[in-house]
């Protein structure tokens, strides 16, 4: 069918009297009508985007009926198929008790058999770091049909292991400048941030191979892909969740204390992905069995960015253009799925949370980078190699869906990114309330687990902390930017590593600013909905964070030559604000990247001092 050309997104705000959020929703809905007509020709039609609230309804996936269905012949593009019969994976895993044959029978192997070094039939270990590097190198050298591939050294782990990403494109070069100029949306695929979650790296190696020379290669006509199969090679080598230094790197995407998180940040800064997929596995028994007496039932859990100030249309695109098609793809393969959820390490706490709402995980930080940021979790932690083919299959199905959705929506994603970048930039100096901190909305929900003995479904009523609606607990008007004194070079370095624009003051000046007056100070461990965050590099629970309470006071502040200015009139303004507002757990002040409150202030009028942009390190 033919469709009219899609008009541009509405113009961004130009002053403090521009359209309200509700008006912008109406405006965007009006200009999207032709785009929706165009979307009807695509594989995943987009429903109209109504005005008003951005709340996404919870979709409950029906339970798989008993008995479990027979394996379905795979139709997933991107599957590397070895023409042999499926292996029997119903053996009871060691180390998980009780885990009966009846439970194992609920997870039959897929008819497709995936082929990587770590998935060989006689293997007892997963793909090693050396094998992964060799496989990626071979793919980089062997790409064909006009595909350019390059193996990129993104950095080194704490133990000196290379973090290598495969870049795949049909641009004239794999250089990020060339790829950005060509305009194709880039997808960043990140696997195994937690070392004891092996299925993602095996699955992303499968996907990389199919992009390089297989069934997924056609999507590169529309998109670029950067694949980092293993973000935590030290943890993978030791089969531990954290890095070699004892840090949970998936809580380090704002602070960038680990070389591993900095490597991922560099990829995002340089290649500016419009879509990021973060692949993980979740625990099958553990706290969930201890509290509720059941084993985890779902093959996959899905989530997108849920933190304050993620642009509303990024959330809508994540839900309607990506998560809904991903759910449909998993259902077609008889892979059960749910929203992502977890529970705390406190035995008496019987609540379940839809992940965290703080800007420290990759999922949430990349939402603040104006990317569609997707979390894919498959069942796997604590069961060794059991069901590994099914786990990899679940990841391949989900990631393939994300790639296909990106290719189908390539032009709309470019429009969306352009609109959101301009819109976030135009928020600077506005006096409307901006959420500084928020909490999940509590409610009730019934989950489904598996009886550890019979393998039958068992309903589990839980107190459900929803991230689909966040309740603001602290709001402020948005400044024009932030002033930092010259002693804050470490904070500036982290901001630049994140891609945030920072200016240096070249001539001294005085300016009306809002300063922070400390009203309280406590020290405590960083924590999330799971419990205390692994944070060994910062001293863990013993050192913790400096949690301050503040009031704002207006004053004339001297900005000497050599100090810094961080404008919020930039696409990453939301990310800069999260780092620099001091009174949240994730802030640079709380985590000692900014030593004292006197070294940071809110610039509340358009600045008049002379500045120059700092060169990117």
Protein backbone atom coordinates (compact mmCIF):
# COMPACT_ATOMS: atom_id res chain seq x y z
CA UNK A 1 0.00 0.00 0.00
CA UNK A 2 1.09 3.55 -0.59
CA UNK A 3 1.27 6.03 2.26
CA UNK A 4 1.93 9.75 2.32
CA UNK A 5 5.27 10.99 3.53
CA UNK A 6 5.46 11.35 7.27
CA UNK A 7 5.57 14.99 8.39
CA UNK A 8 8.11 16.06 11.00
CA UNK A 9 7.45 15.85 14.70
CA UNK A 10 6.08 19.06 16.22
CA UNK A 11 8.62 21.78 16.90
CA UNK A 12 10.31 21.72 20.26
CA UNK A 13 9.70 24.37 22.88
CA UNK A 14 11.45 27.66 22.37
CA UNK A 15 10.51 29.42 25.58
CA UNK A 16 8.90 28.98 28.97
CA UNK A 17 5.42 29.53 27.51
CA UNK A 18 5.56 26.69 25.00
CA UNK A 19 3.05 23.85 24.86
CA UNK A 20 2.26 21.84 27.96
CA UNK A 21 2.90 18.05 28.04
CA UNK A 22 -0.82 17.40 27.43
CA UNK A 23 -0.84 19.80 24.46
CA UNK A 24 2.28 18.16 23.06
CA UNK A 25 0.57 14.78 23.23
CA UNK A 26 -2.33 16.16 21.18
CA UNK A 27 0.04 17.83 18.71
CA UNK A 28 2.11 14.70 18.23
CA UNK A 29 -1.00 12.57 17.80
CA UNK A 30 -2.12 14.88 14.99
CA UNK A 31 1.11 14.71 13.02
CA UNK A 32 1.52 10.97 13.58
CA UNK A 33 -1.66 10.07 11.71
CA UNK A 34 0.14 9.58 8.35
CA UNK A 35 2.91 7.71 10.17
CA UNK A 36 0.33 5.34 11.59
CA UNK A 37 -0.98 4.70 8.10
CA UNK A 38 2.54 3.89 7.01
CA UNK A 39 2.96 1.67 10.05
CA UNK A 40 -0.02 -0.38 8.96
CA UNK A 41 2.13 -1.68 6.11
CA UNK A 42 4.78 -2.88 8.55
CA UNK A 43 4.89 -6.18 10.39
CA UNK A 44 3.97 -4.66 13.77
CA UNK A 45 1.13 -2.12 13.39
CA UNK A 46 1.17 0.80 15.78
CA UNK A 47 -2.10 1.65 17.53
CA UNK A 48 -2.99 5.36 17.72
CA UNK A 49 -1.27 7.23 20.52
CA UNK A 50 -4.03 8.88 22.58
CA UNK A 51 -3.52 12.14 24.39
CA UNK A 52 -3.44 12.32 28.16
CA UNK A 53 -1.63 10.06 30.58
CA UNK A 54 1.24 7.89 29.45
CA UNK A 55 0.38 4.96 31.70
CA UNK A 56 0.82 1.61 29.96
CA UNK A 57 -1.68 -1.10 30.91
CA UNK A 58 -0.25 -4.26 32.42
CA UNK A 59 -0.58 -7.13 29.98
CA UNK A 60 -0.89 -10.55 31.61
CA UNK A 61 0.33 -13.39 29.41
CA UNK A 62 -1.95 -16.44 29.81
CA UNK A 63 -0.29 -19.47 31.43
CA UNK A 64 0.91 -22.26 29.16
CA UNK A 65 -1.67 -25.04 29.61
CA UNK A 66 -0.79 -28.42 31.03
CA UNK A 67 0.67 -30.54 29.64
CA UNK A 68 3.44 -28.45 28.15
CA UNK A 69 3.13 -28.12 24.36
CA UNK A 70 5.38 -30.08 22.07
CA UNK A 71 8.37 -28.21 20.66
CA UNK A 72 7.45 -25.89 17.81
CA UNK A 73 9.54 -25.84 14.66
CA UNK A 74 11.54 -22.62 14.84
CA UNK A 75 10.70 -19.90 12.35
CA UNK A 76 12.91 -17.33 14.01
CA UNK A 77 15.11 -15.43 11.56
CA UNK A 78 18.63 -15.43 12.90
CA UNK A 79 18.70 -18.96 14.28
CA UNK A 80 21.84 -20.92 13.49
CA UNK A 81 20.52 -24.43 12.93
CA UNK A 82 22.43 -27.66 13.24
CA UNK A 83 20.40 -30.39 11.46
CA UNK A 84 20.24 -32.85 14.34
CA UNK A 85 17.43 -33.91 16.64
CA UNK A 86 16.93 -31.85 19.82
CA UNK A 87 18.90 -33.10 22.79
CA UNK A 88 17.08 -34.18 25.94
CA UNK A 89 17.42 -31.29 28.40
CA UNK A 90 14.93 -32.55 30.98
CA UNK A 91 17.60 -33.75 33.37
CA UNK A 92 17.25 -32.42 36.89
CA UNK A 93 19.93 -29.76 37.47
CA UNK A 94 22.38 -30.06 40.32
CA UNK A 95 22.52 -27.32 42.92
CA UNK A 96 18.79 -26.54 42.80
CA UNK A 97 16.72 -28.44 45.31
CA UNK A 98 14.00 -29.33 45.01
CA UNK A 99 13.82 -29.30 41.20
CA UNK A 100 11.86 -32.32 40.05
CA UNK A 101 11.65 -34.13 36.74
CA UNK A 102 8.12 -32.74 36.51
CA UNK A 103 9.46 -29.18 36.63
CA UNK A 104 12.16 -29.95 34.08
CA UNK A 105 9.54 -31.38 31.74
CA UNK A 106 7.81 -27.98 31.60
CA UNK A 107 10.75 -26.62 29.60
CA UNK A 108 11.26 -28.83 26.52
CA UNK A 109 14.18 -28.03 24.26
CA UNK A 110 13.40 -26.09 21.08
CA UNK A 111 13.48 -27.92 17.76
CA UNK A 112 16.30 -25.61 16.71
CA UNK A 113 19.75 -26.50 18.05
CA UNK A 114 22.01 -23.48 18.40
CA UNK A 115 25.70 -23.86 17.67
CA UNK A 116 28.39 -21.92 19.55
CA UNK A 117 31.59 -23.18 21.20
CA UNK A 118 29.90 -23.23 24.59
CA UNK A 119 26.80 -25.05 23.34
CA UNK A 120 28.58 -28.08 21.93
CA UNK A 121 27.02 -31.34 23.08
CA UNK A 122 30.08 -32.53 24.98
CA UNK A 123 30.81 -29.25 26.76
CA UNK A 124 30.59 -28.75 30.51
CA UNK A 125 31.55 -25.05 30.34
CA UNK A 126 30.27 -22.13 28.32
CA UNK A 127 32.16 -20.23 25.63
CA UNK A 128 35.41 -18.96 27.11
CA UNK A 129 36.63 -15.41 26.70
CA UNK A 130 39.32 -16.59 24.27
CA UNK A 131 36.79 -18.57 22.22
CA UNK A 132 34.44 -15.59 22.13
CA UNK A 133 37.19 -13.29 20.88
CA UNK A 134 38.19 -15.78 18.20
CA UNK A 135 34.60 -16.20 17.05
CA UNK A 136 34.03 -12.44 16.83
CA UNK A 137 37.30 -11.96 14.96
CA UNK A 138 36.29 -14.64 12.45
CA UNK A 139 32.92 -12.97 11.95
CA UNK A 140 34.55 -9.58 11.42
CA UNK A 141 36.82 -11.03 8.74
CA UNK A 142 34.16 -13.17 7.09
CA UNK A 143 31.23 -10.79 6.60
CA UNK A 144 29.92 -10.72 3.05
CA UNK A 145 27.27 -9.35 0.69
CA UNK A 146 28.29 -5.72 1.12
CA UNK A 147 28.27 -5.86 4.92
CA UNK A 148 31.11 -4.08 6.65
CA UNK A 149 32.14 -5.61 9.97
CA UNK A 150 34.82 -4.58 12.41
CA UNK A 151 35.97 -5.89 15.76
CA UNK A 152 36.16 -2.95 18.14
CA UNK A 153 38.29 -2.92 21.29
CA UNK A 154 35.95 -1.06 23.66
CA UNK A 155 38.28 -1.30 26.66
CA UNK A 156 39.82 -3.69 29.17
CA UNK A 157 38.25 -5.37 32.16
CA UNK A 158 39.66 -5.01 35.65
CA UNK A 159 41.79 -8.12 35.03
CA UNK A 160 42.92 -6.94 31.61
CA UNK A 161 40.52 -8.96 29.46
CA UNK A 162 39.52 -7.18 26.22
CA UNK A 163 35.93 -6.04 25.92
CA UNK A 164 35.27 -6.50 22.23
CA UNK A 165 32.26 -5.44 20.22
CA UNK A 166 31.35 -6.37 16.66
CA UNK A 167 30.15 -3.46 14.51
CA UNK A 168 27.98 -4.42 11.51
CA UNK A 169 26.79 -1.93 8.88
CA UNK A 170 26.26 -1.26 5.21
CA UNK A 171 27.72 2.21 5.57
CA UNK A 172 30.94 3.07 3.77
CA UNK A 173 32.87 2.62 7.02
CA UNK A 174 32.40 1.25 10.54
CA UNK A 175 33.63 4.58 11.86
CA UNK A 176 30.86 6.08 14.06
CA UNK A 177 31.01 9.44 12.29
CA UNK A 178 30.32 7.81 8.93
CA UNK A 179 27.56 5.64 10.34
CA UNK A 180 25.84 8.59 12.02
CA UNK A 181 26.05 10.62 8.80
CA UNK A 182 24.33 7.81 6.88
CA UNK A 183 21.36 8.13 9.21
CA UNK A 184 20.49 4.48 9.79
CA UNK A 185 19.39 3.82 13.39
CA UNK A 186 21.94 1.89 15.40
CA UNK A 187 21.03 -0.92 17.81
CA UNK A 188 23.40 -1.70 20.69
CA UNK A 189 23.17 -5.28 22.03
CA UNK A 190 24.80 -5.87 25.44
CA UNK A 191 25.10 -9.27 27.07
CA UNK A 192 26.36 -10.83 30.29
CA UNK A 193 26.87 -7.79 32.46
CA UNK A 194 26.46 -10.31 35.27
CA UNK A 195 29.05 -13.04 34.87
CA UNK A 196 26.84 -15.87 36.15
CA UNK A 197 24.25 -15.27 33.40
CA UNK A 198 25.70 -17.11 30.38
CA UNK A 199 22.78 -17.49 27.95
CA UNK A 200 22.91 -13.85 26.71
CA UNK A 201 26.49 -14.07 25.44
CA UNK A 202 25.82 -17.38 23.70
CA UNK A 203 22.66 -15.94 22.12
CA UNK A 204 24.34 -12.70 21.01
CA UNK A 205 27.09 -14.72 19.36
CA UNK A 206 24.35 -16.53 17.43
CA UNK A 207 22.75 -13.20 16.49
CA UNK A 208 26.11 -11.71 15.45
CA UNK A 209 26.76 -14.65 13.16
CA UNK A 210 23.36 -14.36 11.52
CA UNK A 211 23.81 -10.62 11.02
CA UNK A 212 27.23 -11.14 9.51
CA UNK A 213 26.36 -13.82 7.01
CA UNK A 214 22.96 -15.33 7.68
CA UNK A 215 19.24 -14.86 7.90
CA UNK A 216 19.39 -11.56 9.78
CA UNK A 217 21.68 -9.83 7.28
CA UNK A 218 18.75 -8.11 5.45
CA UNK A 219 17.95 -5.92 8.48
CA UNK A 220 21.29 -4.17 7.88
CA UNK A 221 19.69 -2.53 4.85
CA UNK A 222 17.82 -0.37 7.37
CA UNK A 223 19.88 -0.38 10.57
CA UNK A 224 23.36 -0.70 12.04
CA UNK A 225 24.12 -3.10 14.89
CA UNK A 226 26.84 -3.06 17.56
CA UNK A 227 27.10 -6.33 19.49
CA UNK A 228 28.93 -6.58 22.83
CA UNK A 229 28.20 -10.20 23.77
CA UNK A 230 30.06 -10.20 27.10
CA UNK A 231 30.37 -6.99 29.11
CA UNK A 232 31.84 -8.68 32.20
CA UNK A 233 34.49 -11.17 31.06
CA UNK A 234 36.09 -11.45 34.51
CA UNK A 235 32.79 -12.35 36.13
CA UNK A 236 32.06 -14.84 33.35
CA UNK A 237 35.42 -16.56 33.84
CA UNK A 238 34.70 -16.96 37.57
CA UNK A 239 30.93 -17.57 37.23
CA UNK A 240 30.13 -14.67 39.58
CA UNK A 241 27.58 -11.89 39.25
CA UNK A 242 29.93 -8.97 39.94
CA UNK A 243 33.14 -7.70 38.37
CA UNK A 244 36.56 -8.77 39.61
CA UNK A 245 36.49 -5.74 41.91
CA UNK A 246 33.23 -6.79 43.50
CA UNK A 247 30.97 -4.21 41.81
CA UNK A 248 27.60 -4.84 40.21
CA UNK A 249 28.37 -3.18 36.89
CA UNK A 250 24.69 -2.92 36.04
CA UNK A 251 24.39 -0.37 38.86
CA UNK A 252 27.37 1.59 37.53
CA UNK A 253 26.08 3.19 34.33
CA UNK A 254 25.86 6.69 35.80
CA UNK A 255 28.88 6.70 38.13
CA UNK A 256 31.18 4.74 35.74
CA UNK A 257 33.49 3.42 38.46
CA UNK A 258 34.30 0.25 36.56
CA UNK A 259 36.24 0.00 33.30
CA UNK A 260 33.51 -2.33 32.07
CA UNK A 261 30.74 0.27 32.50
CA UNK A 262 32.99 2.91 30.94
CA UNK A 263 33.48 0.69 27.91
CA UNK A 264 29.72 0.38 27.38
CA UNK A 265 29.35 4.15 27.90
CA UNK A 266 31.95 4.82 25.18
CA UNK A 267 30.04 2.65 22.73
CA UNK A 268 26.84 4.55 23.48
CA UNK A 269 28.57 7.94 23.32
CA UNK A 270 30.27 7.24 20.00
CA UNK A 271 27.58 5.26 18.15
CA UNK A 272 24.52 6.98 19.70
CA UNK A 273 22.21 3.95 19.49
CA UNK A 274 18.50 4.60 19.12
CA UNK A 275 17.74 1.16 20.58
CA UNK A 276 19.62 -0.67 23.34
CA UNK A 277 18.91 -4.29 24.34
CA UNK A 278 20.39 -5.42 27.66
CA UNK A 279 20.30 -9.24 27.96
CA UNK A 280 20.29 -10.95 31.37
CA UNK A 281 19.13 -14.08 33.21
CA UNK A 282 17.16 -14.31 36.46
CA UNK A 283 17.31 -16.74 39.38
CA UNK A 284 15.06 -19.79 39.13
CA UNK A 285 14.79 -20.60 42.84
CA UNK A 286 16.58 -18.48 45.45
CA UNK A 287 14.61 -15.76 47.21
CA UNK A 288 11.43 -16.46 45.26
CA UNK A 289 11.33 -20.09 46.36
CA UNK A 290 12.27 -19.21 49.93
CA UNK A 291 9.46 -16.65 50.26
CA UNK A 292 6.68 -18.10 48.14
CA UNK A 293 7.44 -21.81 47.94
CA UNK A 294 7.51 -21.92 44.15
CA UNK A 295 10.06 -21.88 41.35
CA UNK A 296 10.15 -19.23 38.65
CA UNK A 297 7.95 -20.27 35.76
CA UNK A 298 8.47 -17.73 32.99
CA UNK A 299 10.90 -18.25 30.11
CA UNK A 300 11.46 -14.52 29.74
CA UNK A 301 10.79 -11.26 31.56
CA UNK A 302 10.72 -7.96 29.70
CA UNK A 303 10.99 -4.34 30.76
CA UNK A 304 11.97 -0.93 29.42
CA UNK A 305 13.29 2.25 31.03
CA UNK A 306 11.23 3.25 34.08
CA UNK A 307 12.90 6.20 35.75
CA UNK A 308 11.76 9.82 36.11
CA UNK A 309 12.16 12.10 33.08
CA UNK A 310 12.43 9.45 30.39
CA UNK A 311 10.76 11.26 27.47
CA UNK A 312 7.14 10.17 27.24
CA UNK A 313 7.32 9.24 23.56
CA UNK A 314 10.37 7.05 24.18
CA UNK A 315 8.23 5.09 26.64
CA UNK A 316 5.37 4.84 24.15
CA UNK A 317 7.68 3.63 21.40
CA UNK A 318 9.26 1.08 23.76
CA UNK A 319 5.86 -0.35 24.63
CA UNK A 320 4.02 -0.25 21.32
CA UNK A 321 6.81 -0.59 18.76
CA UNK A 322 8.99 -3.04 20.69
CA UNK A 323 7.64 -4.81 23.79
CA UNK A 324 4.27 -5.76 22.33
CA UNK A 325 5.81 -7.31 19.16
CA UNK A 326 8.40 -9.04 21.37
CA UNK A 327 5.66 -10.59 23.52
CA UNK A 328 3.91 -11.78 20.36
CA UNK A 329 7.14 -13.31 19.02
CA UNK A 330 7.75 -15.18 22.29
CA UNK A 331 4.16 -16.40 22.41
CA UNK A 332 4.44 -17.74 18.87
CA UNK A 333 7.32 -19.89 20.08
CA UNK A 334 5.36 -21.05 23.19
CA UNK A 335 7.79 -19.17 25.44
CA UNK A 336 5.99 -17.85 28.51
CA UNK A 337 6.77 -14.27 29.51
CA UNK A 338 5.98 -11.51 31.98
CA UNK A 339 7.04 -8.03 32.98
CA UNK A 340 10.40 -8.12 34.73
CA UNK A 341 10.12 -8.46 38.50
CA UNK A 342 12.32 -9.19 41.48
CA UNK A 343 12.06 -9.36 45.26
CA UNK A 344 14.29 -8.14 48.07
CA UNK A 345 16.70 -10.17 50.16
CA UNK A 346 14.62 -9.59 53.31
CA UNK A 347 12.75 -12.82 54.18
CA UNK A 348 9.85 -10.94 55.74
CA UNK A 349 9.33 -8.71 52.69
CA UNK A 350 6.79 -10.43 50.47
CA UNK A 351 6.52 -7.61 47.97
CA UNK A 352 7.63 -7.92 44.36
CA UNK A 353 8.97 -4.98 42.35
CA UNK A 354 9.13 -4.25 38.61
CA UNK A 355 12.86 -3.56 38.75
CA UNK A 356 14.20 -0.26 40.05
CA UNK A 357 13.27 3.33 39.30
CA UNK A 358 16.72 4.86 39.89
CA UNK A 359 19.03 6.07 37.15
CA UNK A 360 21.90 3.68 37.72
CA UNK A 361 21.05 0.55 35.70
CA UNK A 362 21.79 0.34 32.01
CA UNK A 363 18.08 0.06 31.28
CA UNK A 364 17.24 3.37 32.94
CA UNK A 365 20.36 5.33 31.99
CA UNK A 366 19.87 4.55 28.29
CA UNK A 367 16.29 5.73 28.52
CA UNK A 368 17.67 9.06 29.72
CA UNK A 369 19.96 8.99 26.70
CA UNK A 370 16.76 9.17 24.59
CA UNK A 371 17.07 5.57 23.40
CA UNK A 372 14.45 2.85 23.43
CA UNK A 373 16.03 0.78 26.19
CA UNK A 374 14.90 -2.83 26.60
CA UNK A 375 15.70 -5.42 29.26
CA UNK A 376 15.41 -9.10 28.30
CA UNK A 377 15.79 -11.58 31.18
CA UNK A 378 15.58 -15.37 30.78
CA UNK A 379 15.39 -18.02 33.51
CA UNK A 380 18.82 -19.44 34.17
CA UNK A 381 20.73 -18.34 37.28
CA UNK A 382 21.45 -21.27 39.56
CA UNK A 383 20.65 -24.13 37.16
CA UNK A 384 23.98 -24.49 35.35
CA UNK A 385 23.58 -25.75 31.79
CA UNK A 386 20.05 -27.07 32.27
CA UNK A 387 17.64 -25.90 29.52
CA UNK A 388 20.48 -23.88 27.95
CA UNK A 389 19.18 -24.38 24.41
CA UNK A 390 15.75 -23.11 25.46
CA UNK A 391 17.29 -20.18 27.32
CA UNK A 392 19.36 -19.21 24.27
CA UNK A 393 16.29 -19.69 22.08
CA UNK A 394 14.31 -17.26 24.27
CA UNK A 395 17.06 -14.66 23.96
CA UNK A 396 17.40 -15.11 20.19
CA UNK A 397 13.63 -14.77 19.69
CA UNK A 398 13.49 -11.58 21.78
CA UNK A 399 16.59 -9.94 20.29
CA UNK A 400 15.53 -10.82 16.75
CA UNK A 401 12.18 -9.17 17.41
CA UNK A 402 13.94 -6.00 18.59
CA UNK A 403 16.09 -5.92 15.45
CA UNK A 404 13.11 -6.46 13.18
CA UNK A 405 11.09 -3.78 14.99
CA UNK A 406 13.97 -1.32 14.58
CA UNK A 407 14.23 -2.06 10.86
CA UNK A 408 10.46 -1.72 10.40
CA UNK A 409 10.39 1.59 12.29
CA UNK A 410 13.70 3.01 11.08
CA UNK A 411 12.33 6.24 9.64
CA UNK A 412 9.95 6.81 12.56
CA UNK A 413 12.74 6.19 15.06
CA UNK A 414 14.89 8.83 13.37
CA UNK A 415 12.01 11.30 13.58
CA UNK A 416 11.40 10.35 17.20
CA UNK A 417 15.06 10.83 18.15
CA UNK A 418 15.20 14.21 16.41
CA UNK A 419 12.02 15.39 18.12
CA UNK A 420 13.03 14.14 21.59
CA UNK A 421 16.53 15.62 21.36
CA UNK A 422 15.10 19.03 20.50
CA UNK A 423 12.33 18.78 23.05
CA UNK A 424 14.64 17.85 25.95
CA UNK A 425 17.02 20.64 24.96
CA UNK A 426 14.18 23.17 24.96
CA UNK A 427 13.24 22.33 28.57
CA UNK A 428 16.21 24.29 29.97
CA UNK A 429 15.34 27.35 32.08
CA UNK A 430 11.71 26.31 32.35
CA UNK A 431 9.97 26.84 35.67
CA UNK A 432 7.69 23.81 35.59
CA UNK A 433 8.23 21.05 38.15
CA UNK A 434 10.78 18.43 37.17
CA UNK A 435 10.85 15.13 39.05
CA UNK A 436 14.05 14.67 41.04
CA UNK A 437 13.05 11.47 42.84
CA UNK A 438 10.10 9.10 42.58
CA UNK A 439 8.73 5.86 43.97
CA UNK A 440 6.93 2.92 42.45
CA UNK A 441 3.16 2.63 42.86
CA UNK A 442 2.11 -0.21 45.18
CA UNK A 443 -0.75 -2.54 44.33
CA UNK A 444 -1.69 -6.21 44.24
CA UNK A 445 -1.02 -8.79 41.57
CA UNK A 446 -1.11 -12.54 41.12
CA UNK A 447 1.96 -14.17 39.61
CA UNK A 448 2.30 -17.78 38.54
CA UNK A 449 5.09 -20.04 39.78
CA UNK A 450 5.78 -23.75 39.58
CA UNK A 451 5.25 -26.26 42.35
CA UNK A 452 8.77 -27.63 42.99
CA UNK A 453 7.52 -31.23 43.17
CA UNK A 454 4.62 -31.55 40.75
CA UNK A 455 5.68 -28.92 38.21
CA UNK A 456 2.13 -27.60 38.11
CA UNK A 457 1.25 -23.91 38.00
CA UNK A 458 0.63 -22.32 41.38
CA UNK A 459 -0.79 -18.83 41.75
CA UNK A 460 1.11 -16.49 44.04
CA UNK A 461 -0.66 -13.32 45.27
CA UNK A 462 1.94 -10.61 45.89
CA UNK A 463 2.19 -6.96 46.84
CA UNK A 464 3.22 -5.49 43.47
CA UNK A 465 5.35 -2.35 43.18
CA UNK A 466 4.65 -1.07 39.69
CA UNK A 467 7.16 0.97 37.71
CA UNK A 468 4.62 1.78 35.02
CA UNK A 469 3.40 4.68 37.15
CA UNK A 470 5.93 6.48 39.34
CA UNK A 471 4.88 8.73 42.21
CA UNK A 472 6.98 11.92 42.45
CA UNK A 473 8.40 12.47 45.93
CA UNK A 474 10.63 15.43 45.07
CA UNK A 475 10.27 18.02 42.30
CA UNK A 476 12.08 21.26 41.36
CA UNK A 477 12.00 23.72 38.53
CA UNK A 478 14.56 22.97 35.87
CA UNK A 479 17.57 25.33 35.74
CA UNK A 480 19.34 26.56 32.64
CA UNK A 481 22.35 24.49 33.66
CA UNK A 482 24.84 23.80 36.44
CA UNK A 483 28.02 25.57 37.46
CA UNK A 484 30.87 23.42 38.82
CA UNK A 485 34.03 24.77 40.37
CA UNK A 486 37.46 23.88 38.98
CA UNK A 487 38.01 21.22 41.65
CA UNK A 488 35.31 19.08 40.10
CA UNK A 489 37.38 17.80 37.18
CA UNK A 490 36.60 14.13 38.14
CA UNK A 491 32.86 14.81 37.83
CA UNK A 492 33.44 16.58 34.51
CA UNK A 493 35.38 13.60 33.22
CA UNK A 494 32.46 11.26 34.04
CA UNK A 495 29.96 13.59 32.41
CA UNK A 496 32.02 13.70 29.23
CA UNK A 497 32.37 9.91 29.27
CA UNK A 498 28.58 9.77 29.29
CA UNK A 499 28.50 12.11 26.27
CA UNK A 500 27.24 15.15 28.18
CA UNK A 501 28.44 18.50 26.80
CA UNK A 502 30.55 20.48 29.30
CA UNK A 503 31.80 24.05 28.83
CA UNK A 504 34.79 25.78 30.45
CA UNK A 505 34.45 29.35 31.71
CA UNK A 506 37.05 31.47 29.88
CA UNK A 507 36.42 34.85 31.51
CA UNK A 508 35.44 35.35 35.18
CA UNK A 509 31.89 36.54 35.84
CA UNK A 510 29.24 36.70 38.55
CA UNK A 511 25.77 35.33 38.02
CA UNK A 512 22.57 34.80 39.96
CA UNK A 513 22.39 31.12 40.87
CA UNK A 514 20.64 28.79 43.28
CA UNK A 515 23.02 27.28 45.81
CA UNK A 516 22.38 24.21 47.94
CA UNK A 517 22.14 24.64 51.71
CA UNK A 518 22.65 21.36 53.52
CA UNK A 519 19.89 20.53 56.01
CA UNK A 520 20.82 16.94 56.89
CA UNK A 521 23.51 14.37 56.27
CA UNK A 522 23.54 10.62 56.76
CA UNK A 523 25.70 7.82 55.45
CA UNK A 524 24.31 4.54 54.25
CA UNK A 525 24.78 1.73 51.79
CA UNK A 526 23.56 2.07 48.24
CA UNK A 527 20.46 -0.07 47.87
CA UNK A 528 17.81 -0.99 45.35
CA UNK A 529 14.69 -3.13 45.37
CA UNK A 530 16.84 -6.28 45.64
CA UNK A 531 18.78 -5.04 48.67
CA UNK A 532 22.27 -3.63 49.22
CA UNK A 533 24.08 -3.00 45.96
CA UNK A 534 27.44 -4.70 45.44
CA UNK A 535 29.75 -1.69 45.50
CA UNK A 536 33.15 -2.88 46.65
CA UNK A 537 35.17 -0.14 44.95
CA UNK A 538 33.43 2.47 47.07
CA UNK A 539 33.84 0.55 50.31
CA UNK A 540 30.44 -1.12 50.07
CA UNK A 541 28.10 -0.86 53.01
CA UNK A 542 30.90 0.29 55.32
CA UNK A 543 31.53 3.48 53.35
CA UNK A 544 28.25 3.83 51.46
CA UNK A 545 26.85 7.05 50.11
CA UNK A 546 26.52 10.51 51.60
CA UNK A 547 22.80 11.16 51.64
CA UNK A 548 22.12 14.87 52.05
CA UNK A 549 19.01 16.97 52.46
CA UNK A 550 19.11 20.44 50.89
CA UNK A 551 17.25 23.71 50.58
CA UNK A 552 17.78 26.15 47.71
CA UNK A 553 18.99 29.71 48.25
CA UNK A 554 19.48 32.37 45.57
CA UNK A 555 22.79 34.20 45.59
CA UNK A 556 25.24 35.99 43.32
CA UNK A 557 27.97 33.43 42.65
CA UNK A 558 31.41 34.12 41.22
CA UNK A 559 32.30 31.87 38.27
CA UNK A 560 36.08 32.12 37.93
CA UNK A 561 38.05 31.30 34.82
CA UNK A 562 38.65 27.56 34.60
CA UNK A 563 35.40 26.57 36.30
CA UNK A 564 32.75 24.64 34.36
CA UNK A 565 29.26 25.09 32.99
CA UNK A 566 26.98 22.16 32.12
CA UNK A 567 24.08 23.47 29.99
CA UNK A 568 20.75 21.67 30.16
CA UNK A 569 19.91 22.94 26.68
CA UNK A 570 21.29 19.72 25.19
CA UNK A 571 19.80 16.30 24.30
CA UNK A 572 21.33 14.67 27.40
CA UNK A 573 20.00 17.34 29.75
CA UNK A 574 17.95 14.80 31.70
CA UNK A 575 21.03 12.66 32.27
CA UNK A 576 23.09 15.65 33.45
CA UNK A 577 20.35 16.64 35.88
CA UNK A 578 20.24 13.16 37.45
CA UNK A 579 23.99 13.30 38.05
CA UNK A 580 24.13 16.84 39.44
CA UNK A 581 21.07 17.26 41.65
CA UNK A 582 22.75 16.29 44.95
CA UNK A 583 20.00 14.78 47.09
CA UNK A 584 19.42 11.41 45.45
CA UNK A 585 21.23 8.12 45.98
CA UNK A 586 22.59 8.08 42.43
CA UNK A 587 23.99 11.63 42.36
CA UNK A 588 27.64 12.61 42.01
CA UNK A 589 27.46 14.34 45.41
CA UNK A 590 26.05 11.26 47.15
CA UNK A 591 28.82 9.13 45.66
CA UNK A 592 31.68 11.58 46.35
CA UNK A 593 32.44 12.49 42.75
CA UNK A 594 31.61 16.04 43.85
CA UNK A 595 33.30 16.64 47.18
CA UNK A 596 31.09 19.36 48.65
CA UNK A 597 27.95 21.32 47.93
CA UNK A 598 29.83 24.61 47.58
CA UNK A 599 31.30 23.33 44.32
CA UNK A 600 27.99 23.05 42.45
CA UNK A 601 25.12 25.48 41.85
CA UNK A 602 22.04 25.80 39.65
CA UNK A 603 22.25 28.49 36.96
CA UNK A 604 18.72 29.86 36.83
CA UNK A 605 19.03 32.64 34.22
CA UNK A 606 20.60 32.38 30.76
CA UNK A 607 24.34 32.64 31.45
CA UNK A 608 26.31 35.66 30.36
CA UNK A 609 29.82 34.41 31.09
CA UNK A 610 32.17 33.46 28.25
CA UNK A 611 32.63 29.72 27.76
CA UNK A 612 34.26 27.29 25.38
CA UNK A 613 33.39 23.65 24.85
CA UNK A 614 35.77 21.16 26.41
CA UNK A 615 37.38 18.76 24.00
CA UNK A 616 36.13 15.21 24.45
CA UNK A 617 38.78 12.97 26.03
